[in-house]
Amino acid sequence: MSATRSTAAGKVLEVLSAFDREHPSQTLSEIAQRTGLALSTAHRVVAELADWGALERAEDGSWHVGLRLWEIASGCPRTQILRDVALPFMQDLYEATHENVQLAVREGTELVFVERIAGHRSVELLTMVGSRFPIGSTGMGRVLLAHAPSDIQDEVLESPLRAWTPHTVTDPKTLRAQLDRIRREQVFVSDRQLSESTVAVAAPVRIGRSGPVSAALGIVITMRSADRARGLREPLLRAAYGISDELGRRTRPTG
């Protein structure tokens, strides 16, 4: 038995961790199987979580994440101010481009998508709000990686890199040179790195115009419109600078 499962809190975390994008709804037996908990233990933990509102039961008897968890997660200090500040700029950027506009932050060697605006004619994406990807896999991730601490960069570059498409850059030397170029040019065009049908344009979001990078802002377009990528650099940078300036104002010490 793992150390995590040996405590009451650990069992709760095990059950909650069983739910993800690939497994949004599960039966009690499936929860027990995915967590390795005894069925009776899984039943008790699920019942407690349901009473609190962390899990909800569907009409077919399966379980899914409850609204109470969303309420708590929406108050995360790290993303609440960022999303509040970024959303108006993202809306303006969407109105100017009518393409997918996304916002992501780094957590360790992964990036987490925290906001997204998309229209019904926008290209379909593999990513969605709340989803995680290895930081080297996406255009926004590479912008974040370019500005990450050196130990994070080394960890990513020294680990095997997944080739999502035939175009994905996986050679560490080539990728390190790409990160240098991102730091110089600010805007990065990711050509079919995650999906053969999409091209992404990404830029860093800072705390203040010259402060540390706190997020990445990106536009994702269909490969059929790849010739538009260069023209998206200016509106993307303008939005990223606007978010950065406002974040600097919001987080500036007062008094």
C-alpha atoms as a PDB file:
ATOM      1  CA  MET A   1       0.000   0.000   0.000  1.00  0.00           C
ATOM      2  CA  SER A   2       1.341   3.429  -0.912  1.00  0.00           C
ATOM      3  CA  ALA A   3       1.952   6.099   1.704  1.00  0.00           C
ATOM      4  CA  THR A   4      -0.712   8.232   0.047  1.00  0.00           C
ATOM      5  CA  ARG A   5      -3.417   5.588   0.489  1.00  0.00           C
ATOM      6  CA  SER A   6      -2.476   4.936   4.108  1.00  0.00           C
ATOM      7  CA  THR A   7      -4.206   8.104   5.392  1.00  0.00           C
ATOM      8  CA  ALA A   8      -7.811   9.224   5.237  1.00  0.00           C
ATOM      9  CA  ALA A   9      -6.837  12.356   3.321  1.00  0.00           C
ATOM     10  CA  GLY A  10      -4.732  10.248   0.972  1.00  0.00           C
ATOM     11  CA  LYS A  11      -7.706   8.039   0.125  1.00  0.00           C
ATOM     12  CA  VAL A  12      -9.791  11.129  -0.651  1.00  0.00           C
ATOM     13  CA  LEU A  13      -7.061  12.440  -2.954  1.00  0.00           C
ATOM     14  CA  GLU A  14      -6.766   9.055  -4.641  1.00  0.00           C
ATOM     15  CA  VAL A  15     -10.484   9.062  -5.452  1.00  0.00           C
ATOM     16  CA  LEU A  16     -10.477  12.637  -6.732  1.00  0.00           C
ATOM     17  CA  SER A  17      -7.382  11.931  -8.834  1.00  0.00           C
ATOM     18  CA  ALA A  18      -9.225   9.098 -10.556  1.00  0.00           C
ATOM     19  CA  PHE A  19     -11.253  11.688 -12.474  1.00  0.00           C
ATOM     20  CA  ASP A  20      -9.637  13.343 -15.469  1.00  0.00           C
ATOM     21  CA  ARG A  21     -10.427  14.354 -19.053  1.00  0.00           C
ATOM     22  CA  GLU A  22     -10.308  10.748 -20.219  1.00  0.00           C
ATOM     23  CA  HIS A  23     -12.369   9.503 -17.257  1.00  0.00           C
ATOM     24  CA  PRO A  24     -14.904  12.254 -16.407  1.00  0.00           C
ATOM     25  CA  SER A  25     -17.580   9.788 -15.297  1.00  0.00           C
ATOM     26  CA  GLN A  26     -17.037   6.469 -13.533  1.00  0.00           C
ATOM     27  CA  THR A  27     -18.905   3.756 -11.686  1.00  0.00           C
ATOM     28  CA  LEU A  28     -17.966   2.877  -8.119  1.00  0.00           C
ATOM     29  CA  SER A  29     -16.257  -0.293  -9.358  1.00  0.00           C
ATOM     30  CA  GLU A  30     -14.208   1.690 -11.858  1.00  0.00           C
ATOM     31  CA  ILE A  31     -13.159   4.144  -9.139  1.00  0.00           C
ATOM     32  CA  ALA A  32     -12.031   1.273  -6.925  1.00  0.00           C
ATOM     33  CA  GLN A  33     -10.128  -0.304  -9.808  1.00  0.00           C
ATOM     34  CA  ARG A  34      -8.380   2.930 -10.832  1.00  0.00           C
ATOM     35  CA  THR A  35      -7.399   3.828  -7.258  1.00  0.00           C
ATOM     36  CA  GLY A  36      -6.522   0.354  -6.046  1.00  0.00           C
ATOM     37  CA  LEU A  37      -8.796   0.850  -3.029  1.00  0.00           C
ATOM     38  CA  ALA A  38     -11.047  -1.893  -1.713  1.00  0.00           C
ATOM     39  CA  LEU A  39     -14.596  -1.536  -2.999  1.00  0.00           C
ATOM     40  CA  SER A  40     -15.932  -0.959   0.529  1.00  0.00           C
ATOM     41  CA  THR A  41     -13.348   1.778   1.135  1.00  0.00           C
ATOM     42  CA  ALA A  42     -14.070   3.431  -2.210  1.00  0.00           C
ATOM     43  CA  HIS A  43     -17.791   3.342  -1.393  1.00  0.00           C
ATOM     44  CA  ARG A  44     -17.233   5.085   1.946  1.00  0.00           C
ATOM     45  CA  VAL A  45     -14.947   7.769   0.500  1.00  0.00           C
ATOM     46  CA  VAL A  46     -17.249   8.438  -2.456  1.00  0.00           C
ATOM     47  CA  ALA A  47     -20.246   8.756  -0.124  1.00  0.00           C
ATOM     48  CA  GLU A  48     -18.395  11.292   2.058  1.00  0.00           C
ATOM     49  CA  LEU A  49     -17.304  13.297  -0.986  1.00  0.00           C
ATOM     50  CA  ALA A  50     -20.843  13.252  -2.346  1.00  0.00           C
ATOM     51  CA  ASP A  51     -22.284  14.500   0.958  1.00  0.00           C
ATOM     52  CA  TRP A  52     -19.834  17.420   0.831  1.00  0.00           C
ATOM     53  CA  GLY A  53     -20.563  18.161  -2.835  1.00  0.00           C
ATOM     54  CA  ALA A  54     -17.208  17.168  -4.343  1.00  0.00           C
ATOM     55  CA  LEU A  55     -18.820  14.337  -6.313  1.00  0.00           C
ATOM     56  CA  GLU A  56     -22.247  14.074  -7.908  1.00  0.00           C
ATOM     57  CA  ARG A  57     -24.155  11.013  -9.061  1.00  0.00           C
ATOM     58  CA  ALA A  58     -25.704  10.805 -12.527  1.00  0.00           C
ATOM     59  CA  GLU A  59     -29.019   9.154 -13.354  1.00  0.00           C
ATOM     60  CA  ASP A  60     -27.212   6.053 -14.641  1.00  0.00           C
ATOM     61  CA  GLY A  61     -25.496   5.616 -11.260  1.00  0.00           C
ATOM     62  CA  SER A  62     -22.041   6.788 -12.346  1.00  0.00           C
ATOM     63  CA  TRP A  63     -20.120   9.496 -10.518  1.00  0.00           C
ATOM     64  CA  HIS A  64     -18.544  12.732 -11.731  1.00  0.00           C
ATOM     65  CA  VAL A  65     -16.859  15.771 -10.195  1.00  0.00           C
ATOM     66  CA  GLY A  66     -19.272  18.033  -8.325  1.00  0.00           C
ATOM     67  CA  LEU A  67     -19.889  21.757  -8.529  1.00  0.00           C
ATOM     68  CA  ARG A  68     -18.378  22.354  -5.068  1.00  0.00           C
ATOM     69  CA  LEU A  69     -14.893  21.575  -6.392  1.00  0.00           C
ATOM     70  CA  TRP A  70     -15.311  24.054  -9.238  1.00  0.00           C
ATOM     71  CA  GLU A  71     -16.365  26.730  -6.755  1.00  0.00           C
ATOM     72  CA  ILE A  72     -13.212  26.186  -4.708  1.00  0.00           C
ATOM     73  CA  ALA A  73     -10.892  25.914  -7.718  1.00  0.00           C
ATOM     74  CA  SER A  74     -12.242  29.140  -9.233  1.00  0.00           C
ATOM     75  CA  GLY A  75     -10.842  31.012  -6.234  1.00  0.00           C
ATOM     76  CA  CYS A  76      -7.247  29.877  -6.838  1.00  0.00           C
ATOM     77  CA  PRO A  77      -5.213  33.068  -6.206  1.00  0.00           C
ATOM     78  CA  ARG A  78      -2.622  32.169  -8.823  1.00  0.00           C
ATOM     79  CA  THR A  79      -5.142  32.208 -11.677  1.00  0.00           C
ATOM     80  CA  GLN A  80      -8.031  34.334 -10.409  1.00  0.00           C
ATOM     81  CA  ILE A  81      -6.340  37.721 -10.914  1.00  0.00           C
ATOM     82  CA  LEU A  82      -4.695  36.516 -14.124  1.00  0.00           C
ATOM     83  CA  ARG A  83      -8.004  35.401 -15.645  1.00  0.00           C
ATOM     84  CA  ASP A  84      -9.856  38.521 -14.501  1.00  0.00           C
ATOM     85  CA  VAL A  85      -7.191  40.739 -16.060  1.00  0.00           C
ATOM     86  CA  ALA A  86      -6.686  38.692 -19.225  1.00  0.00           C
ATOM     87  CA  LEU A  87     -10.283  38.023 -20.246  1.00  0.00           C
ATOM     88  CA  PRO A  88     -11.115  41.502 -21.671  1.00  0.00           C
ATOM     89  CA  PHE A  89      -7.896  41.474 -23.723  1.00  0.00           C
ATOM     90  CA  MET A  90      -8.617  37.919 -24.884  1.00  0.00           C
ATOM     91  CA  GLN A  91     -12.108  38.973 -25.944  1.00  0.00           C
ATOM     92  CA  ASP A  92     -10.678  41.877 -27.942  1.00  0.00           C
ATOM     93  CA  LEU A  93      -8.146  39.535 -29.532  1.00  0.00           C
ATOM     94  CA  TYR A  94     -10.884  37.076 -30.455  1.00  0.00           C
ATOM     95  CA  GLU A  95     -12.991  39.841 -32.001  1.00  0.00           C
ATOM     96  CA  ALA A  96      -9.980  40.889 -34.081  1.00  0.00           C
ATOM     97  CA  THR A  97      -9.123  37.373 -35.261  1.00  0.00           C
ATOM     98  CA  HIS A  98     -12.154  35.095 -34.721  1.00  0.00           C
ATOM     99  CA  GLU A  99      -9.721  32.324 -33.865  1.00  0.00           C
ATOM    100  CA  ASN A 100      -9.093  30.246 -30.729  1.00  0.00           C
ATOM    101  CA  VAL A 101      -7.483  32.372 -28.015  1.00  0.00           C
ATOM    102  CA  GLN A 102      -5.914  30.556 -25.048  1.00  0.00           C
ATOM    103  CA  LEU A 103      -4.169  31.368 -21.795  1.00  0.00           C
ATOM    104  CA  ALA A 104      -1.886  28.928 -19.965  1.00  0.00           C
ATOM    105  CA  VAL A 105       0.418  28.828 -16.946  1.00  0.00           C
ATOM    106  CA  ARG A 106       3.346  26.591 -16.057  1.00  0.00           C
ATOM    107  CA  GLU A 107       3.276  24.068 -13.236  1.00  0.00           C
ATOM    108  CA  GLY A 108       6.557  22.230 -12.964  1.00  0.00           C
ATOM    109  CA  THR A 109       7.288  20.683 -16.355  1.00  0.00           C
ATOM    110  CA  GLU A 110       3.680  20.909 -17.497  1.00  0.00           C
ATOM    111  CA  LEU A 111       1.426  23.685 -18.680  1.00  0.00           C
ATOM    112  CA  VAL A 112      -2.190  24.067 -17.599  1.00  0.00           C
ATOM    113  CA  PHE A 113      -4.749  25.854 -19.763  1.00  0.00           C
ATOM    114  CA  VAL A 114      -6.685  28.277 -17.557  1.00  0.00           C
ATOM    115  CA  GLU A 115      -8.845  30.202 -20.040  1.00  0.00           C
ATOM    116  CA  ARG A 116     -10.034  29.913 -23.625  1.00  0.00           C
ATOM    117  CA  ILE A 117     -12.283  31.756 -26.070  1.00  0.00           C
ATOM    118  CA  ALA A 118     -13.414  29.991 -29.232  1.00  0.00           C
ATOM    119  CA  GLY A 119     -16.084  30.533 -31.846  1.00  0.00           C
ATOM    120  CA  HIS A 120     -18.171  27.907 -33.568  1.00  0.00           C
ATOM    121  CA  ARG A 121     -16.047  28.280 -36.724  1.00  0.00           C
ATOM    122  CA  SER A 122     -12.704  28.027 -34.899  1.00  0.00           C
ATOM    123  CA  VAL A 123     -10.534  24.981 -35.555  1.00  0.00           C
ATOM    124  CA  GLU A 124     -11.127  22.061 -33.156  1.00  0.00           C
ATOM    125  CA  LEU A 125      -8.392  21.692 -30.537  1.00  0.00           C
ATOM    126  CA  LEU A 126      -6.886  18.903 -28.464  1.00  0.00           C
ATOM    127  CA  THR A 127      -6.617  21.328 -25.545  1.00  0.00           C
ATOM    128  CA  MET A 128      -9.300  22.684 -23.221  1.00  0.00           C
ATOM    129  CA  VAL A 129      -9.527  24.651 -19.998  1.00  0.00           C
ATOM    130  CA  GLY A 130      -8.105  22.594 -17.143  1.00  0.00           C
ATOM    131  CA  SER A 131      -6.134  20.234 -19.374  1.00  0.00           C
ATOM    132  CA  ARG A 132      -2.420  19.622 -18.887  1.00  0.00           C
ATOM    133  CA  PHE A 133       0.292  18.929 -21.426  1.00  0.00           C
ATOM    134  CA  PRO A 134       4.040  18.427 -21.231  1.00  0.00           C
ATOM    135  CA  ILE A 135       5.499  21.913 -21.473  1.00  0.00           C
ATOM    136  CA  GLY A 136       7.540  21.114 -24.559  1.00  0.00           C
ATOM    137  CA  SER A 137       4.557  19.909 -26.567  1.00  0.00           C
ATOM    138  CA  THR A 138       2.772  23.144 -27.492  1.00  0.00           C
ATOM    139  CA  GLY A 139       3.646  26.594 -28.756  1.00  0.00           C
ATOM    140  CA  MET A 140       2.478  28.205 -25.521  1.00  0.00           C
ATOM    141  CA  GLY A 141       4.395  25.591 -23.559  1.00  0.00           C
ATOM    142  CA  ARG A 142       7.607  26.403 -25.368  1.00  0.00           C
ATOM    143  CA  VAL A 143       7.173  30.087 -24.607  1.00  0.00           C
ATOM    144  CA  LEU A 144       6.784  29.195 -20.936  1.00  0.00           C
ATOM    145  CA  LEU A 145       9.732  26.812 -21.115  1.00  0.00           C
ATOM    146  CA  ALA A 146      11.914  29.507 -22.699  1.00  0.00           C
ATOM    147  CA  HIS A 147      11.355  31.674 -19.631  1.00  0.00           C
ATOM    148  CA  ALA A 148      11.431  28.869 -17.035  1.00  0.00           C
ATOM    149  CA  PRO A 149      14.283  28.404 -14.538  1.00  0.00           C
ATOM    150  CA  SER A 150      17.329  26.659 -15.976  1.00  0.00           C
ATOM    151  CA  ASP A 151      16.760  23.507 -13.896  1.00  0.00           C
ATOM    152  CA  ILE A 152      13.281  23.111 -15.408  1.00  0.00           C
ATOM    153  CA  GLN A 153      14.683  23.590 -18.906  1.00  0.00           C
ATOM    154  CA  ASP A 154      17.407  21.026 -18.251  1.00  0.00           C
ATOM    155  CA  GLU A 155      14.913  18.512 -16.857  1.00  0.00           C
ATOM    156  CA  VAL A 156      12.692  18.823 -19.945  1.00  0.00           C
ATOM    157  CA  LEU A 157      15.534  18.766 -22.463  1.00  0.00           C
ATOM    158  CA  GLU A 158      17.239  15.808 -20.803  1.00  0.00           C
ATOM    159  CA  SER A 159      14.052  13.714 -20.836  1.00  0.00           C
ATOM    160  CA  PRO A 160      12.608  11.908 -23.884  1.00  0.00           C
ATOM    161  CA  LEU A 161      10.351  14.283 -25.828  1.00  0.00           C
ATOM    162  CA  ARG A 162       7.165  12.938 -27.371  1.00  0.00           C
ATOM    163  CA  ALA A 163       6.717  13.384 -31.108  1.00  0.00           C
ATOM    164  CA  TRP A 164       3.030  14.299 -31.432  1.00  0.00           C
ATOM    165  CA  THR A 165       3.355  14.728 -35.198  1.00  0.00           C
ATOM    166  CA  PRO A 166       6.096  14.186 -37.806  1.00  0.00           C
ATOM    167  CA  HIS A 167       6.830  17.918 -37.439  1.00  0.00           C
ATOM    168  CA  THR A 168       7.388  17.923 -33.664  1.00  0.00           C
ATOM    169  CA  VAL A 169      10.862  19.114 -32.685  1.00  0.00           C
ATOM    170  CA  THR A 170      12.314  16.527 -30.291  1.00  0.00           C
ATOM    171  CA  ASP A 171      16.056  17.050 -30.719  1.00  0.00           C
ATOM    172  CA  PRO A 172      17.305  18.739 -27.504  1.00  0.00           C
ATOM    173  CA  LYS A 173      19.941  20.836 -29.283  1.00  0.00           C
ATOM    174  CA  THR A 174      17.440  22.133 -31.837  1.00  0.00           C
ATOM    175  CA  LEU A 175      14.877  22.818 -29.125  1.00  0.00           C
ATOM    176  CA  ARG A 176      17.392  24.701 -26.967  1.00  0.00           C
ATOM    177  CA  ALA A 177      18.217  26.938 -29.943  1.00  0.00           C
ATOM    178  CA  GLN A 178      14.498  27.457 -30.456  1.00  0.00           C
ATOM    179  CA  LEU A 179      14.105  28.561 -26.832  1.00  0.00           C
ATOM    180  CA  ASP A 180      16.925  31.098 -27.313  1.00  0.00           C
ATOM    181  CA  ARG A 181      15.097  32.473 -30.347  1.00  0.00           C
ATOM    182  CA  ILE A 182      11.832  32.715 -28.412  1.00  0.00           C
ATOM    183  CA  ARG A 183      13.513  34.820 -25.733  1.00  0.00           C
ATOM    184  CA  ARG A 184      14.883  37.173 -28.397  1.00  0.00           C
ATOM    185  CA  GLU A 185      11.790  37.464 -30.584  1.00  0.00           C
ATOM    186  CA  GLN A 186       9.036  37.134 -27.916  1.00  0.00           C
ATOM    187  CA  VAL A 187       6.520  35.669 -30.380  1.00  0.00           C
ATOM    188  CA  PHE A 188       6.761  31.997 -31.378  1.00  0.00           C
ATOM    189  CA  VAL A 189       5.003  30.311 -34.290  1.00  0.00           C
ATOM    190  CA  SER A 190       4.434  26.627 -33.546  1.00  0.00           C
ATOM    191  CA  ASP A 191       3.974  24.843 -36.862  1.00  0.00           C
ATOM    192  CA  ARG A 192       2.030  21.560 -36.451  1.00  0.00           C
ATOM    193  CA  GLN A 193       3.934  20.610 -33.283  1.00  0.00           C
ATOM    194  CA  LEU A 194       0.915  19.200 -31.421  1.00  0.00           C
ATOM    195  CA  SER A 195      -1.516  18.537 -34.267  1.00  0.00           C
ATOM    196  CA  GLU A 196      -0.986  18.278 -38.009  1.00  0.00           C
ATOM    197  CA  SER A 197      -4.075  20.418 -38.566  1.00  0.00           C
ATOM    198  CA  THR A 198      -3.115  23.447 -36.435  1.00  0.00           C
ATOM    199  CA  VAL A 199      -0.571  26.246 -36.182  1.00  0.00           C
ATOM    200  CA  ALA A 200      -0.185  28.260 -32.973  1.00  0.00           C
ATOM    201  CA  VAL A 201       1.213  31.732 -32.344  1.00  0.00           C
ATOM    202  CA  ALA A 202       2.235  32.366 -28.723  1.00  0.00           C
ATOM    203  CA  ALA A 203       3.727  35.157 -26.613  1.00  0.00           C
ATOM    204  CA  PRO A 204       4.703  35.574 -22.949  1.00  0.00           C
ATOM    205  CA  VAL A 205       2.585  37.426 -20.399  1.00  0.00           C
ATOM    206  CA  ARG A 206       4.597  39.159 -17.689  1.00  0.00           C
ATOM    207  CA  ILE A 207       3.871  40.866 -14.396  1.00  0.00           C
ATOM    208  CA  GLY A 208       4.533  44.352 -15.655  1.00  0.00           C
ATOM    209  CA  ARG A 209       6.181  44.989 -19.012  1.00  0.00           C
ATOM    210  CA  SER A 210       9.618  43.842 -17.808  1.00  0.00           C
ATOM    211  CA  GLY A 211       8.660  41.554 -14.913  1.00  0.00           C
ATOM    212  CA  PRO A 212       8.777  37.762 -14.665  1.00  0.00           C
ATOM    213  CA  VAL A 213       6.742  35.667 -17.105  1.00  0.00           C
ATOM    214  CA  SER A 214       3.570  34.458 -15.419  1.00  0.00           C
ATOM    215  CA  ALA A 215       1.630  32.975 -18.349  1.00  0.00           C
ATOM    216  CA  ALA A 216       1.517  32.483 -22.111  1.00  0.00           C
ATOM    217  CA  LEU A 217      -1.116  33.845 -24.482  1.00  0.00           C
ATOM    218  CA  GLY A 218      -1.758  32.063 -27.748  1.00  0.00           C
ATOM    219  CA  ILE A 219      -3.840  31.980 -30.902  1.00  0.00           C
ATOM    220  CA  VAL A 220      -4.471  28.662 -32.659  1.00  0.00           C
ATOM    221  CA  ILE A 221      -5.490  28.563 -36.309  1.00  0.00           C
ATOM    222  CA  THR A 222      -6.065  25.845 -38.881  1.00  0.00           C
ATOM    223  CA  MET A 223      -3.121  24.728 -40.989  1.00  0.00           C
ATOM    224  CA  ARG A 224      -5.099  25.841 -44.033  1.00  0.00           C
ATOM    225  CA  SER A 225      -4.725  29.425 -42.765  1.00  0.00           C
ATOM    226  CA  ALA A 226      -1.055  29.119 -41.836  1.00  0.00           C
ATOM    227  CA  ASP A 227      -0.155  32.093 -44.029  1.00  0.00           C
ATOM    228  CA  ARG A 228      -2.070  34.269 -41.520  1.00  0.00           C
ATOM    229  CA  ALA A 229       0.318  33.405 -38.666  1.00  0.00           C
ATOM    230  CA  ARG A 230       2.756  36.258 -39.303  1.00  0.00           C
ATOM    231  CA  GLY A 231      -0.076  38.778 -39.385  1.00  0.00           C
ATOM    232  CA  LEU A 232      -1.251  37.618 -35.959  1.00  0.00           C
ATOM    233  CA  ARG A 233       2.016  38.565 -34.244  1.00  0.00           C
ATOM    234  CA  GLU A 234       1.166  42.244 -33.743  1.00  0.00           C
ATOM    235  CA  PRO A 235      -2.355  41.826 -32.279  1.00  0.00           C
ATOM    236  CA  LEU A 236      -1.115  38.984 -30.080  1.00  0.00           C
ATOM    237  CA  LEU A 237       1.789  41.012 -28.718  1.00  0.00           C
ATOM    238  CA  ARG A 238      -0.488  44.008 -28.162  1.00  0.00           C
ATOM    239  CA  ALA A 239      -2.836  41.859 -26.075  1.00  0.00           C
ATOM    240  CA  ALA A 240       0.044  40.243 -24.166  1.00  0.00           C
ATOM    241  CA  TYR A 241       1.521  43.661 -23.370  1.00  0.00           C
ATOM    242  CA  GLY A 242      -1.874  44.922 -22.226  1.00  0.00           C
ATOM    243  CA  ILE A 243      -2.335  41.985 -19.866  1.00  0.00           C
ATOM    244  CA  SER A 244       1.229  42.382 -18.587  1.00  0.00           C
ATOM    245  CA  ASP A 245       0.772  46.095 -17.900  1.00  0.00           C
ATOM    246  CA  GLU A 246      -2.508  45.537 -16.053  1.00  0.00           C
ATOM    247  CA  LEU A 247      -1.052  42.659 -14.030  1.00  0.00           C
ATOM    248  CA  GLY A 248       1.792  44.966 -13.034  1.00  0.00           C
ATOM    249  CA  ARG A 249      -0.679  47.580 -11.844  1.00  0.00           C
ATOM    250  CA  ARG A 250      -2.843  45.060  -9.984  1.00  0.00           C
ATOM    251  CA  THR A 251       0.061  43.469  -8.150  1.00  0.00           C
ATOM    252  CA  ARG A 252       2.074  46.636  -7.434  1.00  0.00           C
ATOM    253  CA  PRO A 253       2.502  47.181  -3.686  1.00  0.00           C
ATOM    254  CA  THR A 254       0.493  50.126  -2.314  1.00  0.00           C
ATOM    255  CA  GLY A 255       1.174  52.418   0.599  1.00  0.00           C
END
